[in-house]
């Protein structure tokens, strides 16, 4: 089984590490961070390398048997991928939002890349899609809202490297690929409205980081994505309004920073404002399921067009907002 080098030791790196620990068959895990320090106290490892090259050299790793898992801010994704290419590291897992141009894969045919899209593996999203298909419901509007107060984390630089990131670079990508999945990857996306607001704390300002709203039309379905990083109300929900006055709603589980569960999730069907079906979801390890699927794929030594097409479809839409 292949070894994994996790690049980045913040929250994303910890979430990936936490999932890998539950694999039954797993190679060794190594860490790379630009300052050589663990950024998350929950990662129970001591050794951190400054570069991929250092990790490979000191641990005598076989590049053909090594997966690079990139958990850094978006601004350095391409730089790290190009480092991988120079070192002949071809199996690469990238956190969202991995956005490429049309020429990327034709110029990098030898690279085997998968973008993390863990909410597609969620019991809640899969149950919602099952209901839509089983009941032959036709979506008219999809509304997603991923909001929470992360003011302190943001002003401490979480998810940023040398520049302020926009709100649209954080949770909106999850919301985008969820809507693509529920609508079976529509190719026609028309941007109708995009709004962004800054995060403000006293005299400090993070430009375009506090709030974003996106309204699109995907084929004949209106899709609304909203994300507020300054609210004190935690919201993580997907709502699908169908043409026969039926609403299918999914609410995700919540966890604290140490991954202790705070709140269960659920999937419900609503007719004329009355709940006619509800299913509680008390366990939903979508990151584990996503990484396990990716890890098993990388161990096949194949290059799948499926993952490339997913990245292309995702990139095509995200480029409208960037």
Protein backbone atom coordinates (compact mmCIF):
# COMPACT_ATOMS: atom_id res chain seq x y z
CA UNK A 1 0.00 0.00 0.00
CA UNK A 2 1.26 3.48 -0.88
CA UNK A 3 2.73 5.97 1.58
CA UNK A 4 1.22 9.45 1.94
CA UNK A 5 2.90 12.81 2.38
CA UNK A 6 0.45 15.35 3.80
CA UNK A 7 1.50 18.87 2.82
CA UNK A 8 0.06 21.30 5.35
CA UNK A 9 -0.67 20.66 9.03
CA UNK A 10 -3.61 22.98 9.70
CA UNK A 11 -7.25 21.95 10.03
CA UNK A 12 -7.48 20.26 6.61
CA UNK A 13 -4.27 18.34 7.25
CA UNK A 14 -5.62 17.17 10.60
CA UNK A 15 -8.96 16.07 9.07
CA UNK A 16 -7.10 13.99 6.48
CA UNK A 17 -4.70 12.55 9.07
CA UNK A 18 -7.63 11.67 11.34
CA UNK A 19 -9.30 9.73 8.51
CA UNK A 20 -6.13 7.92 7.45
CA UNK A 21 -5.72 6.64 11.02
CA UNK A 22 -8.91 4.62 10.55
CA UNK A 23 -7.76 2.81 7.40
CA UNK A 24 -7.22 -0.92 7.87
CA UNK A 25 -4.49 -1.10 5.22
CA UNK A 26 -2.33 1.97 4.95
CA UNK A 27 1.25 2.89 4.16
CA UNK A 28 3.19 5.32 6.33
CA UNK A 29 2.18 8.98 6.74
CA UNK A 30 4.68 11.85 6.55
CA UNK A 31 4.22 15.60 6.95
CA UNK A 32 5.58 18.63 5.12
CA UNK A 33 4.99 22.23 6.20
CA UNK A 34 6.83 25.33 5.04
CA UNK A 35 7.82 26.33 8.59
CA UNK A 36 8.59 22.81 9.78
CA UNK A 37 6.04 22.96 12.61
CA UNK A 38 2.74 21.23 13.34
CA UNK A 39 -0.06 23.78 13.15
CA UNK A 40 -2.68 21.50 14.71
CA UNK A 41 -2.05 20.09 18.17
CA UNK A 42 -4.25 17.07 17.41
CA UNK A 43 -1.75 15.60 14.95
CA UNK A 44 0.16 13.08 17.07
CA UNK A 45 3.38 13.06 15.06
CA UNK A 46 6.64 14.86 15.79
CA UNK A 47 8.55 14.93 12.51
CA UNK A 48 7.71 17.61 9.94
CA UNK A 49 9.78 18.29 6.83
CA UNK A 50 10.30 21.64 5.15
CA UNK A 51 9.87 20.26 1.63
CA UNK A 52 8.79 17.23 -0.35
CA UNK A 53 12.37 16.77 -1.46
CA UNK A 54 13.59 16.61 2.16
CA UNK A 55 10.93 14.06 3.10
CA UNK A 56 11.71 11.80 0.14
CA UNK A 57 15.46 11.98 0.66
CA UNK A 58 15.52 11.41 4.42
CA UNK A 59 12.83 8.71 4.48
CA UNK A 60 14.18 7.08 1.28
CA UNK A 61 10.69 7.05 -0.23
CA UNK A 62 9.82 5.44 -3.55
CA UNK A 63 8.13 8.18 -5.59
CA UNK A 64 6.12 5.55 -7.47
CA UNK A 65 4.71 4.34 -4.17
CA UNK A 66 3.93 7.76 -2.67
CA UNK A 67 0.80 9.90 -2.74
CA UNK A 68 1.05 13.63 -2.07
CA UNK A 69 -1.98 14.99 -0.22
CA UNK A 70 -2.09 18.79 -0.54
CA UNK A 71 -3.86 20.49 2.39
CA UNK A 72 -2.53 24.02 1.98
CA UNK A 73 -4.22 27.31 1.02
CA UNK A 74 -5.36 27.41 -2.61
CA UNK A 75 -2.70 30.00 -3.55
CA UNK A 76 0.10 27.41 -3.47
CA UNK A 77 -1.67 24.39 -5.00
CA UNK A 78 -0.07 24.76 -8.43
CA UNK A 79 3.39 25.48 -7.00
CA UNK A 80 3.29 22.25 -4.99
CA UNK A 81 1.97 20.27 -7.95
CA UNK A 82 4.85 21.54 -10.07
CA UNK A 83 7.27 20.47 -7.30
CA UNK A 84 5.66 17.02 -7.42
CA UNK A 85 6.17 16.91 -11.17
CA UNK A 86 9.88 17.72 -10.84
CA UNK A 87 10.27 14.96 -8.26
CA UNK A 88 8.33 12.43 -10.41
CA UNK A 89 5.55 12.26 -7.82
CA UNK A 90 2.48 11.58 -9.97
CA UNK A 91 -0.30 10.62 -7.53
CA UNK A 92 -1.72 13.83 -6.08
CA UNK A 93 -4.75 14.52 -3.90
CA UNK A 94 -5.73 18.19 -3.65
CA UNK A 95 -8.09 19.91 -1.24
CA UNK A 96 -10.79 22.17 -2.71
CA UNK A 97 -10.96 24.52 -4.47
CA UNK A 98 -8.63 23.09 -7.12
CA UNK A 99 -9.34 25.26 -10.15
CA UNK A 100 -7.48 24.73 -13.43
CA UNK A 101 -7.60 26.12 -16.95
CA UNK A 102 -8.58 24.13 -20.02
CA UNK A 103 -4.98 23.30 -20.90
CA UNK A 104 -3.89 21.98 -17.51
CA UNK A 105 -4.44 18.28 -18.12
CA UNK A 106 -3.20 18.32 -21.70
CA UNK A 107 0.01 19.90 -20.40
CA UNK A 108 0.27 17.47 -17.46
CA UNK A 109 -0.86 14.14 -18.92
CA UNK A 110 1.36 12.12 -16.62
CA UNK A 111 -0.13 13.51 -13.39
CA UNK A 112 -2.84 11.56 -11.60
CA UNK A 113 -4.88 14.15 -9.66
CA UNK A 114 -8.05 13.93 -7.57
CA UNK A 115 -9.77 16.86 -5.84
CA UNK A 116 -11.28 16.23 -2.40
CA UNK A 117 -15.08 16.48 -2.66
CA UNK A 118 -16.07 14.83 0.58
CA UNK A 119 -19.66 16.07 0.82
CA UNK A 120 -20.58 14.00 -2.23
CA UNK A 121 -19.84 11.02 0.05
CA UNK A 122 -22.14 12.33 2.79
CA UNK A 123 -25.07 10.14 3.82
CA UNK A 124 -27.17 13.29 3.74
CA UNK A 125 -26.34 14.27 0.15
CA UNK A 126 -26.65 10.70 -1.10
CA UNK A 127 -30.01 10.31 0.67
CA UNK A 128 -31.26 13.57 -0.87
CA UNK A 129 -30.29 12.42 -4.34
CA UNK A 130 -31.93 9.04 -3.74
CA UNK A 131 -35.19 10.76 -2.75
CA UNK A 132 -35.11 13.01 -5.81
CA UNK A 133 -34.58 10.05 -8.13
CA UNK A 134 -36.89 7.58 -6.38
CA UNK A 135 -39.81 10.00 -6.25
CA UNK A 136 -38.98 11.41 -9.69
CA UNK A 137 -38.87 14.95 -8.34
CA UNK A 138 -37.84 17.82 -10.59
CA UNK A 139 -35.73 20.49 -8.86
CA UNK A 140 -36.69 24.10 -9.52
CA UNK A 141 -34.50 25.86 -6.95
CA UNK A 142 -31.50 24.67 -4.94
CA UNK A 143 -30.44 26.73 -1.94
CA UNK A 144 -27.29 26.01 0.06
CA UNK A 145 -26.01 27.84 3.12
CA UNK A 146 -22.69 27.09 4.83
CA UNK A 147 -22.23 29.74 7.53
CA UNK A 148 -20.54 30.11 10.91
CA UNK A 149 -18.50 32.63 12.87
CA UNK A 150 -14.83 32.15 12.00
CA UNK A 151 -13.74 35.74 12.64
CA UNK A 152 -10.97 34.79 15.08
CA UNK A 153 -9.66 31.99 12.86
CA UNK A 154 -9.65 34.19 9.78
CA UNK A 155 -7.82 37.09 11.42
CA UNK A 156 -5.29 34.52 12.67
CA UNK A 157 -4.67 33.58 9.02
CA UNK A 158 -6.43 30.22 8.73
CA UNK A 159 -6.54 29.07 5.11
CA UNK A 160 -4.39 31.97 3.91
CA UNK A 161 -0.84 32.25 2.67
CA UNK A 162 0.64 35.71 1.96
CA UNK A 163 -2.74 37.11 0.88
CA UNK A 164 -6.32 37.41 2.05
CA UNK A 165 -8.59 34.77 0.60
CA UNK A 166 -12.13 35.53 -0.51
CA UNK A 167 -15.09 33.90 1.18
CA UNK A 168 -15.93 32.23 -2.13
CA UNK A 169 -12.70 30.20 -1.88
CA UNK A 170 -13.72 28.40 1.33
CA UNK A 171 -17.15 26.77 1.72
CA UNK A 172 -18.76 27.86 -1.55
CA UNK A 173 -16.70 25.21 -3.44
CA UNK A 174 -18.38 22.50 -1.33
CA UNK A 175 -21.75 24.00 -2.16
CA UNK A 176 -20.92 24.14 -5.86
CA UNK A 177 -19.96 20.49 -6.25
CA UNK A 178 -22.93 19.38 -4.12
CA UNK A 179 -25.32 21.17 -6.48
CA UNK A 180 -23.49 19.72 -9.50
CA UNK A 181 -23.89 16.23 -8.02
CA UNK A 182 -27.59 16.65 -7.26
CA UNK A 183 -28.22 17.93 -10.79
CA UNK A 184 -26.06 15.28 -12.51
CA UNK A 185 -23.33 17.72 -13.57
CA UNK A 186 -25.15 20.24 -15.77
CA UNK A 187 -22.82 21.79 -18.34
CA UNK A 188 -24.68 25.08 -18.73
CA UNK A 189 -24.22 27.46 -15.78
CA UNK A 190 -25.26 31.10 -16.09
CA UNK A 191 -24.13 33.55 -13.41
CA UNK A 192 -26.99 35.88 -12.46
CA UNK A 193 -25.66 37.58 -9.32
CA UNK A 194 -22.54 37.58 -7.16
CA UNK A 195 -22.24 39.61 -3.96
CA UNK A 196 -19.27 39.79 -1.59
CA UNK A 197 -18.70 41.61 1.69
CA UNK A 198 -15.57 42.13 3.76
CA UNK A 199 -14.94 40.84 7.27
CA UNK A 200 -14.43 43.70 9.73
CA UNK A 201 -13.01 43.63 13.25
CA UNK A 202 -12.40 47.08 14.69
CA UNK A 203 -10.02 48.79 12.26
CA UNK A 204 -9.00 45.49 10.62
CA UNK A 205 -10.53 44.46 7.31
CA UNK A 206 -10.29 41.25 5.30
CA UNK A 207 -11.48 42.23 1.84
CA UNK A 208 -14.29 40.09 0.36
CA UNK A 209 -13.78 37.49 3.08
CA UNK A 210 -16.81 37.92 5.32
CA UNK A 211 -19.76 37.00 3.14
CA UNK A 212 -20.66 35.78 -0.33
CA UNK A 213 -23.86 35.09 -2.22
CA UNK A 214 -24.02 33.52 -5.66
CA UNK A 215 -27.14 33.02 -7.78
CA UNK A 216 -26.88 30.94 -10.94
CA UNK A 217 -29.10 29.17 -13.40
CA UNK A 218 -28.04 25.63 -14.21
CA UNK A 219 -30.04 24.49 -17.22
CA UNK A 220 -33.54 25.30 -15.89
CA UNK A 221 -32.72 25.20 -12.18
CA UNK A 222 -31.99 28.30 -10.11
CA UNK A 223 -29.17 27.71 -7.63
CA UNK A 224 -28.42 30.00 -4.69
CA UNK A 225 -25.27 29.64 -2.59
CA UNK A 226 -24.77 31.67 0.57
CA UNK A 227 -21.88 31.74 3.06
CA UNK A 228 -21.48 34.08 6.04
CA UNK A 229 -18.33 33.92 8.18
CA UNK A 230 -19.44 36.65 10.61
CA UNK A 231 -22.70 35.14 11.87
CA UNK A 232 -23.07 33.54 15.30
CA UNK A 233 -25.56 31.02 13.91
CA UNK A 234 -24.06 27.80 12.55
CA UNK A 235 -25.80 26.74 9.36
CA UNK A 236 -24.87 23.94 7.00
CA UNK A 237 -27.83 22.98 4.87
CA UNK A 238 -28.97 22.09 1.37
CA UNK A 239 -32.57 22.73 0.30
CA UNK A 240 -34.08 21.49 -2.97
CA UNK A 241 -37.44 22.97 -3.98
CA UNK A 242 -39.27 20.83 -6.51
CA UNK A 243 -42.00 21.66 -9.03
CA UNK A 244 -44.80 19.85 -7.16
CA UNK A 245 -44.40 21.96 -3.99
CA UNK A 246 -42.21 19.38 -2.32
CA UNK A 247 -39.05 20.47 -0.53
CA UNK A 248 -36.18 18.09 0.23
CA UNK A 249 -33.90 19.44 2.95
CA UNK A 250 -30.61 18.21 4.36
CA UNK A 251 -28.89 19.51 7.49
CA UNK A 252 -25.33 18.37 8.19
CA UNK A 253 -23.80 17.26 11.46
CA UNK A 254 -21.68 19.71 13.45
CA UNK A 255 -18.38 18.98 15.23
CA UNK A 256 -16.01 21.01 17.36
CA UNK A 257 -12.35 21.59 16.49
CA UNK A 258 -11.39 18.27 18.08
CA UNK A 259 -14.06 16.44 16.03
CA UNK A 260 -16.39 15.82 18.95
CA UNK A 261 -19.97 15.74 17.68
CA UNK A 262 -22.11 18.73 18.66
CA UNK A 263 -25.26 18.09 16.63
CA UNK A 264 -26.82 15.33 14.54
CA UNK A 265 -27.88 15.88 10.94
CA UNK A 266 -31.09 14.96 9.16
CA UNK A 267 -32.88 14.67 5.84
CA UNK A 268 -36.51 15.72 5.56
CA UNK A 269 -39.29 15.97 2.99
CA UNK A 270 -41.65 18.92 3.38
CA UNK A 271 -45.00 19.43 1.66
CA UNK A 272 -46.75 22.80 2.02
CA UNK A 273 -44.62 23.60 5.08
CA UNK A 274 -45.44 20.31 6.81
CA UNK A 275 -42.75 17.68 7.42
CA UNK A 276 -44.00 14.41 5.90
CA UNK A 277 -40.74 12.49 6.34
CA UNK A 278 -37.61 12.95 8.42
CA UNK A 279 -34.57 10.75 8.96
CA UNK A 280 -32.02 11.50 11.66
CA UNK A 281 -28.35 11.06 10.72
CA UNK A 282 -26.19 10.52 13.80
CA UNK A 283 -23.01 9.43 12.01
CA UNK A 284 -21.65 10.68 8.71
CA UNK A 285 -17.92 10.20 8.14
CA UNK A 286 -17.83 11.64 4.63
CA UNK A 287 -14.16 12.66 4.75
CA UNK A 288 -13.15 9.11 5.61
CA UNK A 289 -15.28 7.68 2.78
CA UNK A 290 -13.87 10.20 0.30
CA UNK A 291 -10.23 9.64 1.22
CA UNK A 292 -10.67 5.87 1.34
CA UNK A 293 -12.11 5.89 -2.18
CA UNK A 294 -9.27 8.12 -3.40
CA UNK A 295 -6.61 6.04 -1.66
CA UNK A 296 -7.91 2.79 -3.12
CA UNK A 297 -7.99 4.41 -6.56
CA UNK A 298 -4.37 5.60 -6.32
CA UNK A 299 -3.33 2.07 -5.39
CA UNK A 300 -4.69 0.78 -8.73
CA UNK A 301 -1.92 2.64 -10.63
CA UNK A 302 -4.45 3.87 -13.19
CA UNK A 303 -5.29 7.35 -14.44
CA UNK A 304 -9.05 7.84 -14.49
CA UNK A 305 -10.68 10.29 -16.87
CA UNK A 306 -13.60 10.47 -14.42
CA UNK A 307 -11.64 12.48 -11.86
CA UNK A 308 -10.25 14.78 -14.52
CA UNK A 309 -13.75 15.50 -15.83
CA UNK A 310 -14.97 16.25 -12.30
CA UNK A 311 -12.16 18.77 -11.84
CA UNK A 312 -12.84 20.32 -15.26
CA UNK A 313 -16.58 20.70 -14.55
CA UNK A 314 -15.89 22.14 -11.12
CA UNK A 315 -13.25 24.52 -12.51
CA UNK A 316 -15.49 25.72 -15.31
CA UNK A 317 -18.12 26.86 -12.83
CA UNK A 318 -15.75 28.21 -10.16
CA UNK A 319 -13.93 30.30 -12.76
CA UNK A 320 -17.18 32.24 -13.18
CA UNK A 321 -16.88 33.41 -9.57
CA UNK A 322 -13.13 33.99 -9.35
